[in-house]
Amino acid sequence: MDSPCIILSEDNFFNAGLKAMFSSNTFGAGYVIVDVESTRRSQVEQCLSQGKKVFAFIDNDFDYYALCHLENVIFIDRRSGISEVLSCLSLNHAHFNYRVKAKLSEREGEVLSCLQEGLDTRQIGERLGVNIKTIYASRSRLINKMQAGNRIYLYRNIARL
């Protein structure tokens, strides 16, 4: 039986597990299951532009904040059990959805969005109308809250998506 949905992942175990679930269960068509670890944000946006509902499997706050502004995306924690995933998919909504560990302030969210767009600190300061030192402070709080360790790790995770 063919899968009634599209699975976007480079993880063979992830694909095999989901295909095994689909072989014994029937779910509605018209949605995409995305493994955010191996899928870019542009691919998710392309699926949404085609009118598909997206179930995004994530395991960290970087993935959540990269996609949280998009409509019709349901986040599922990668560490969820099979029964939770099946319930989420069959009910077409996530009551076992991802729980954000690091709540960002409005300013931190704005800085993160600008970093995701590829802006440097000067450009971010101009766009938000704040001093560069404010951007550095917000970036430092992002590093701490997201447990990135350092600026390079923060940028690497932002660029991954």
C-alpha atoms as a PDB file:
ATOM      1  CA  MET A   1       0.000   0.000   0.000  1.00  0.00           C
ATOM      2  CA  ASP A   2       1.390   3.415  -0.909  1.00  0.00           C
ATOM      3  CA  SER A   3       1.718   6.043   1.763  1.00  0.00           C
ATOM      4  CA  PRO A   4      -1.187   8.504   1.668  1.00  0.00           C
ATOM      5  CA  CYS A   5       1.192  11.336   2.469  1.00  0.00           C
ATOM      6  CA  ILE A   6       4.660  12.569   1.654  1.00  0.00           C
ATOM      7  CA  ILE A   7       7.580  11.917   4.017  1.00  0.00           C
ATOM      8  CA  LEU A   8      10.545  14.303   3.785  1.00  0.00           C
ATOM      9  CA  SER A   9      13.553  12.831   5.558  1.00  0.00           C
ATOM     10  CA  GLU A  10      17.037  11.568   4.835  1.00  0.00           C
ATOM     11  CA  ASP A  11      16.912   9.312   7.921  1.00  0.00           C
ATOM     12  CA  ASN A  12      16.273   5.744   6.746  1.00  0.00           C
ATOM     13  CA  PHE A  13      15.107   4.597  10.196  1.00  0.00           C
ATOM     14  CA  PHE A  14      12.649   7.495  10.407  1.00  0.00           C
ATOM     15  CA  ASN A  15      11.265   6.656   6.952  1.00  0.00           C
ATOM     16  CA  ALA A  16      11.043   2.925   7.675  1.00  0.00           C
ATOM     17  CA  GLY A  17       9.251   3.504  10.977  1.00  0.00           C
ATOM     18  CA  LEU A  18       6.652   5.786   9.455  1.00  0.00           C
ATOM     19  CA  LYS A  19       6.097   3.502   6.471  1.00  0.00           C
ATOM     20  CA  ALA A  20       5.528   0.595   8.867  1.00  0.00           C
ATOM     21  CA  MET A  21       2.902   2.664  10.694  1.00  0.00           C
ATOM     22  CA  PHE A  22       1.171   3.488   7.409  1.00  0.00           C
ATOM     23  CA  SER A  23       1.085  -0.136   6.297  1.00  0.00           C
ATOM     24  CA  SER A  24      -1.220  -1.031   9.184  1.00  0.00           C
ATOM     25  CA  ASN A  25      -3.171   2.230   9.541  1.00  0.00           C
ATOM     26  CA  THR A  26      -5.112   4.481   7.215  1.00  0.00           C
ATOM     27  CA  PHE A  27      -4.640   8.211   7.453  1.00  0.00           C
ATOM     28  CA  GLY A  28      -6.041  10.987   5.327  1.00  0.00           C
ATOM     29  CA  ALA A  29      -4.069  12.312   2.390  1.00  0.00           C
ATOM     30  CA  GLY A  30      -2.979  15.890   1.819  1.00  0.00           C
ATOM     31  CA  TYR A  31      -0.288  16.281   4.396  1.00  0.00           C
ATOM     32  CA  VAL A  32       3.465  16.066   4.632  1.00  0.00           C
ATOM     33  CA  ILE A  33       5.542  14.547   7.408  1.00  0.00           C
ATOM     34  CA  VAL A  34       8.822  16.399   7.797  1.00  0.00           C
ATOM     35  CA  ASP A  35      11.958  15.410   9.670  1.00  0.00           C
ATOM     36  CA  VAL A  36      13.258  18.908  10.382  1.00  0.00           C
ATOM     37  CA  GLU A  37      16.779  17.595  11.086  1.00  0.00           C
ATOM     38  CA  SER A  38      17.215  16.857   7.382  1.00  0.00           C
ATOM     39  CA  THR A  39      14.758  19.272   5.748  1.00  0.00           C
ATOM     40  CA  ARG A  40      15.212  22.949   4.990  1.00  0.00           C
ATOM     41  CA  ARG A  41      12.653  25.609   5.867  1.00  0.00           C
ATOM     42  CA  SER A  42      12.171  26.412   2.172  1.00  0.00           C
ATOM     43  CA  GLN A  43      10.971  22.836   1.550  1.00  0.00           C
ATOM     44  CA  VAL A  44       8.395  23.179   4.325  1.00  0.00           C
ATOM     45  CA  GLU A  45       7.230  26.520   2.905  1.00  0.00           C
ATOM     46  CA  GLN A  46       6.885  24.932  -0.548  1.00  0.00           C
ATOM     47  CA  CYS A  47       4.632  22.192   0.870  1.00  0.00           C
ATOM     48  CA  LEU A  48       2.505  24.788   2.638  1.00  0.00           C
ATOM     49  CA  SER A  49       2.146  26.823  -0.558  1.00  0.00           C
ATOM     50  CA  GLN A  50       0.654  23.713  -2.185  1.00  0.00           C
ATOM     51  CA  GLY A  51      -2.048  23.671   0.498  1.00  0.00           C
ATOM     52  CA  LYS A  52      -0.705  20.702   2.432  1.00  0.00           C
ATOM     53  CA  LYS A  53      -0.747  20.376   6.199  1.00  0.00           C
ATOM     54  CA  VAL A  54       2.707  19.763   7.676  1.00  0.00           C
ATOM     55  CA  PHE A  55       3.567  17.558  10.644  1.00  0.00           C
ATOM     56  CA  ALA A  56       7.092  18.589  11.655  1.00  0.00           C
ATOM     57  CA  PHE A  57       9.121  16.242  13.847  1.00  0.00           C
ATOM     58  CA  ILE A  58      11.531  18.378  15.876  1.00  0.00           C
ATOM     59  CA  ASP A  59      13.755  17.873  18.886  1.00  0.00           C
ATOM     60  CA  ASN A  60      15.081  21.323  19.738  1.00  0.00           C
ATOM     61  CA  ASP A  61      14.042  24.936  20.070  1.00  0.00           C
ATOM     62  CA  PHE A  62      16.065  26.049  17.019  1.00  0.00           C
ATOM     63  CA  ASP A  63      13.771  23.981  14.807  1.00  0.00           C
ATOM     64  CA  TYR A  64      10.669  25.275  16.571  1.00  0.00           C
ATOM     65  CA  TYR A  65      11.596  28.949  16.253  1.00  0.00           C
ATOM     66  CA  ALA A  66      12.559  28.506  12.588  1.00  0.00           C
ATOM     67  CA  LEU A  67       9.045  27.306  11.714  1.00  0.00           C
ATOM     68  CA  CYS A  68       6.731  28.637  14.436  1.00  0.00           C
ATOM     69  CA  HIS A  69       5.584  31.609  12.348  1.00  0.00           C
ATOM     70  CA  LEU A  70       4.204  29.329   9.619  1.00  0.00           C
ATOM     71  CA  GLU A  71       0.514  28.406   9.590  1.00  0.00           C
ATOM     72  CA  ASN A  72      -0.698  24.822   9.211  1.00  0.00           C
ATOM     73  CA  VAL A  73       2.413  23.314  10.826  1.00  0.00           C
ATOM     74  CA  ILE A  74       1.961  20.940  13.742  1.00  0.00           C
ATOM     75  CA  PHE A  75       5.070  20.228  15.793  1.00  0.00           C
ATOM     76  CA  ILE A  76       5.671  16.746  17.165  1.00  0.00           C
ATOM     77  CA  ASP A  77       8.536  15.965  19.516  1.00  0.00           C
ATOM     78  CA  ARG A  78      10.850  13.382  17.922  1.00  0.00           C
ATOM     79  CA  ARG A  79      11.009  11.621  21.276  1.00  0.00           C
ATOM     80  CA  SER A  80       7.237  11.000  21.339  1.00  0.00           C
ATOM     81  CA  GLY A  81       6.092   7.407  21.590  1.00  0.00           C
ATOM     82  CA  ILE A  82       4.447   5.547  18.729  1.00  0.00           C
ATOM     83  CA  SER A  83       0.993   5.756  20.292  1.00  0.00           C
ATOM     84  CA  GLU A  84       1.337   9.532  20.685  1.00  0.00           C
ATOM     85  CA  VAL A  85       2.436   9.948  17.069  1.00  0.00           C
ATOM     86  CA  LEU A  86      -0.411   7.747  15.821  1.00  0.00           C
ATOM     87  CA  SER A  87      -2.928   9.729  17.874  1.00  0.00           C
ATOM     88  CA  CYS A  88      -1.580  12.994  16.546  1.00  0.00           C
ATOM     89  CA  LEU A  89      -1.693  11.860  12.922  1.00  0.00           C
ATOM     90  CA  SER A  90      -5.093  10.180  13.102  1.00  0.00           C
ATOM     91  CA  LEU A  91      -6.749  13.079  14.949  1.00  0.00           C
ATOM     92  CA  ASN A  92      -5.055  15.545  12.577  1.00  0.00           C
ATOM     93  CA  HIS A  93      -3.830  17.733  15.416  1.00  0.00           C
ATOM     94  CA  ALA A  94      -1.139  17.573  18.048  1.00  0.00           C
ATOM     95  CA  HIS A  95      -2.156  17.302  21.646  1.00  0.00           C
ATOM     96  CA  PHE A  96       1.270  15.758  22.259  1.00  0.00           C
ATOM     97  CA  ASN A  97       3.056  18.565  20.495  1.00  0.00           C
ATOM     98  CA  TYR A  98       6.514  19.943  21.141  1.00  0.00           C
ATOM     99  CA  ARG A  99       7.047  21.880  24.350  1.00  0.00           C
ATOM    100  CA  VAL A 100       9.413  24.813  23.997  1.00  0.00           C
ATOM    101  CA  LYS A 101      12.175  24.789  26.588  1.00  0.00           C
ATOM    102  CA  ALA A 102      13.461  28.340  26.054  1.00  0.00           C
ATOM    103  CA  LYS A 103      10.817  31.067  25.998  1.00  0.00           C
ATOM    104  CA  LEU A 104      12.225  34.043  24.112  1.00  0.00           C
ATOM    105  CA  SER A 105      11.413  37.670  24.798  1.00  0.00           C
ATOM    106  CA  GLU A 106       9.961  39.728  21.973  1.00  0.00           C
ATOM    107  CA  ARG A 107      13.354  41.365  21.296  1.00  0.00           C
ATOM    108  CA  GLU A 108      15.176  38.016  21.322  1.00  0.00           C
ATOM    109  CA  GLY A 109      12.615  36.660  18.854  1.00  0.00           C
ATOM    110  CA  GLU A 110      13.134  39.660  16.580  1.00  0.00           C
ATOM    111  CA  VAL A 111      16.916  39.245  16.700  1.00  0.00           C
ATOM    112  CA  LEU A 112      16.607  35.516  15.996  1.00  0.00           C
ATOM    113  CA  SER A 113      14.340  36.202  13.004  1.00  0.00           C
ATOM    114  CA  CYS A 114      16.849  38.697  11.632  1.00  0.00           C
ATOM    115  CA  LEU A 115      19.698  36.221  12.126  1.00  0.00           C
ATOM    116  CA  GLN A 116      17.652  33.599  10.259  1.00  0.00           C
ATOM    117  CA  GLU A 117      17.365  36.059   7.368  1.00  0.00           C
ATOM    118  CA  GLY A 118      21.161  36.333   7.316  1.00  0.00           C
ATOM    119  CA  LEU A 119      21.453  39.924   8.539  1.00  0.00           C
ATOM    120  CA  ASP A 120      24.599  41.060  10.351  1.00  0.00           C
ATOM    121  CA  THR A 121      24.524  42.981  13.642  1.00  0.00           C
ATOM    122  CA  ARG A 122      24.668  46.395  11.959  1.00  0.00           C
ATOM    123  CA  GLN A 123      21.735  45.540   9.678  1.00  0.00           C
ATOM    124  CA  ILE A 124      19.756  44.128  12.604  1.00  0.00           C
ATOM    125  CA  GLY A 125      20.377  47.295  14.602  1.00  0.00           C
ATOM    126  CA  GLU A 126      19.172  49.452  11.709  1.00  0.00           C
ATOM    127  CA  ARG A 127      16.082  47.339  11.117  1.00  0.00           C
ATOM    128  CA  LEU A 128      15.066  47.217  14.778  1.00  0.00           C
ATOM    129  CA  GLY A 129      16.183  50.769  15.528  1.00  0.00           C
ATOM    130  CA  VAL A 130      18.449  49.811  18.419  1.00  0.00           C
ATOM    131  CA  ASN A 131      22.087  50.131  19.376  1.00  0.00           C
ATOM    132  CA  ILE A 132      24.479  47.361  18.296  1.00  0.00           C
ATOM    133  CA  LYS A 133      25.259  46.657  21.967  1.00  0.00           C
ATOM    134  CA  THR A 134      21.580  45.803  22.444  1.00  0.00           C
ATOM    135  CA  ILE A 135      21.887  43.290  19.601  1.00  0.00           C
ATOM    136  CA  TYR A 136      24.991  41.778  21.216  1.00  0.00           C
ATOM    137  CA  ALA A 137      23.146  41.470  24.540  1.00  0.00           C
ATOM    138  CA  SER A 138      20.118  39.855  22.879  1.00  0.00           C
ATOM    139  CA  ARG A 139      22.363  37.465  20.977  1.00  0.00           C
ATOM    140  CA  SER A 140      24.158  36.573  24.211  1.00  0.00           C
ATOM    141  CA  ARG A 141      20.813  35.806  25.898  1.00  0.00           C
ATOM    142  CA  LEU A 142      19.850  33.683  22.866  1.00  0.00           C
ATOM    143  CA  ILE A 143      23.066  31.695  23.254  1.00  0.00           C
ATOM    144  CA  ASN A 144      22.314  31.104  26.932  1.00  0.00           C
ATOM    145  CA  LYS A 145      18.612  30.298  26.548  1.00  0.00           C
ATOM    146  CA  MET A 146      19.097  28.019  23.556  1.00  0.00           C
ATOM    147  CA  GLN A 147      22.088  26.390  25.278  1.00  0.00           C
ATOM    148  CA  ALA A 148      24.175  27.024  22.199  1.00  0.00           C
ATOM    149  CA  GLY A 149      27.442  27.370  24.096  1.00  0.00           C
ATOM    150  CA  ASN A 150      28.910  29.956  21.759  1.00  0.00           C
ATOM    151  CA  ARG A 151      28.133  32.247  18.845  1.00  0.00           C
ATOM    152  CA  ILE A 152      29.455  29.838  16.207  1.00  0.00           C
ATOM    153  CA  TYR A 153      27.166  27.031  17.387  1.00  0.00           C
ATOM    154  CA  LEU A 154      24.236  29.471  17.401  1.00  0.00           C
ATOM    155  CA  TYR A 155      24.933  30.559  13.808  1.00  0.00           C
ATOM    156  CA  ARG A 156      25.527  26.970  12.670  1.00  0.00           C
ATOM    157  CA  ASN A 157      22.113  25.903  13.977  1.00  0.00           C
ATOM    158  CA  ILE A 158      20.414  28.914  12.437  1.00  0.00           C
ATOM    159  CA  ALA A 159      22.088  28.286   9.060  1.00  0.00           C
ATOM    160  CA  ARG A 160      21.162  24.584   9.119  1.00  0.00           C
ATOM    161  CA  LEU A 161      17.558  25.509   8.466  1.00  0.00           C
END
